Amino acid sequence: RVVAELKRFVAVRVDVTSDKQAQKLKIDRYRSYSVPFIAFYDGRGNHLAARAFKQKPSTEAFLSRLKEIH
C-alpha cells in the first residue's frame, strides 16, 4: 500500500551521515537534527513543515501521512 501511494511522489534522499554541507542544509532549512528526517512538499512545491517526521514512522503513520498530501 505504501509503494502504491508513493508513486504520486518524487523521492529525494540526502545522506547527511558524513556530509557536513548536507547536515548544515538540513539544520538550516528544516531546523532538524534528527535522523531519519522526512520532509514533505505538496504538488505546488510548498514545504509542509507540520507534516515532517523527525523519527522513523510506523508503516500506518507513514501511509496515513502520504494520503493527506496532494
Protein backbone atom coordinates (compact mmCIF):
# COMPACT_ATOMS: atom_id res chain seq x y z
CA ARG A 1 0.00 0.00 0.00
CA VAL A 2 2.87 2.37 0.79
CA VAL A 3 4.63 1.63 -2.50
CA ALA A 4 1.41 2.28 -4.44
CA GLU A 5 0.84 5.58 -2.64
CA LEU A 6 4.46 6.67 -3.14
CA LYS A 7 4.01 6.56 -6.92
CA ARG A 8 2.46 10.03 -6.64
CA PHE A 9 5.66 11.45 -5.13
CA VAL A 10 9.19 12.27 -6.18
CA ALA A 11 11.55 10.86 -3.57
CA VAL A 12 14.86 12.55 -2.84
CA ARG A 13 17.32 11.05 -0.40
CA VAL A 14 20.11 13.06 1.16
CA ASP A 15 22.69 11.15 3.20
CA VAL A 16 23.73 13.51 5.99
CA THR A 17 25.71 10.98 7.99
CA SER A 18 29.13 12.07 6.66
CA ASP A 19 28.43 15.16 4.54
CA LYS A 20 28.86 18.32 6.63
CA GLN A 21 27.28 20.56 3.97
CA ALA A 22 24.19 18.35 3.80
CA GLN A 23 23.98 18.34 7.60
CA LYS A 24 24.12 22.14 7.69
CA LEU A 25 21.48 22.41 4.95
CA LYS A 26 19.12 20.10 6.86
CA ILE A 27 19.58 22.03 10.08
CA ASP A 28 19.26 25.46 8.43
CA ARG A 29 16.34 24.60 6.14
CA TYR A 30 14.36 22.19 8.26
CA ARG A 31 15.50 23.09 11.78
CA SER A 32 16.09 19.43 12.48
CA TYR A 33 19.00 17.49 13.95
CA SER A 34 17.02 14.25 13.70
CA VAL A 35 17.99 11.24 11.64
CA PRO A 36 15.96 9.99 9.94
CA PHE A 37 14.08 13.10 8.95
CA ILE A 38 11.32 13.02 6.32
CA ALA A 39 10.14 16.30 4.79
CA PHE A 40 7.11 16.67 2.54
CA TYR A 41 6.14 19.12 -0.18
CA ASP A 42 2.76 19.41 -1.84
CA GLY A 43 2.12 19.32 -5.58
CA ARG A 44 2.79 23.06 -5.83
CA GLY A 45 6.19 22.83 -4.15
CA ASN A 46 5.09 24.18 -0.77
CA HIS A 47 7.05 22.78 2.16
CA LEU A 48 4.67 21.11 4.61
CA ALA A 49 6.70 21.61 7.79
CA ALA A 50 3.94 20.41 10.12
CA ARG A 51 3.82 17.05 8.33
CA ALA A 52 7.52 16.18 8.69
CA PHE A 53 8.65 13.07 10.53
CA LYS A 54 11.58 13.55 12.90
CA GLN A 55 11.85 9.87 13.66
CA LYS A 56 11.11 6.66 11.83
CA PRO A 57 7.32 6.43 11.48
CA SER A 58 5.29 3.27 11.65
CA THR A 59 4.05 1.95 8.33
CA GLU A 60 0.49 3.01 9.13
CA ALA A 61 1.53 6.53 10.21
CA PHE A 62 3.60 6.95 7.05
CA LEU A 63 0.78 5.71 4.82
CA SER A 64 -1.72 7.99 6.54
CA ARG A 65 0.58 10.99 6.05
CA LEU A 66 1.07 10.20 2.36
CA LYS A 67 -2.68 10.11 1.85
CA GLU A 68 -3.04 13.59 3.44
CA ILE A 69 -0.76 15.23 0.87
CA HIS A 70 -1.98 16.34 -2.55
